[in-house]
Amino acid sequence: MKYLLDTHTYFWWRDDVGRLSAKVRGLLSDLKNELMLSVVTPWELSIKCKAGKLDCLAMLRNFEERELAAGFAIVRASATQAIRSGFLPLHHKDPFDRLLAAQALDLRIPLLSRDSVFDRYGVERVWD
């Protein structure tokens, strides 16, 4: 099964696995699953790192090379997905999360996220 990770899910997987639900830890550990990271994830992390909100500079070094080697697929954002995210209702004011929602909807894959606002977009969300 394919899964797209929300940024916090990825960050906790790499930095604080205890914050993930048992279900999500199991899905991330199951080698049969195809795990996908949006290009949004390193973008969002780098902005939060620069702003001093997260300590993730080491996590961002060689990000793409390391995560591809670890088996993650990196999902680029298409123009269609970017446009769709711009037209989504403002249930979530965060443009990163709206793009993640648009990608999950467009690719028809579940999003691993504890953020229940994605439910309002019709995104299949997995957490508990």
Foldseek 3Di string as FASTA:
>chain_A
DEEEEDLVCVCCVVPPVVVAAPVSVVQVPDPVYAYEYEPLNLVVVVVCVVVVNDVCPVCNVCVVVVVVVVRYHYHYQDPVLLVQLVPDPPLDVDSSVSSVLSVCVVVVHAYADPDCSSVVVVHHYDGD
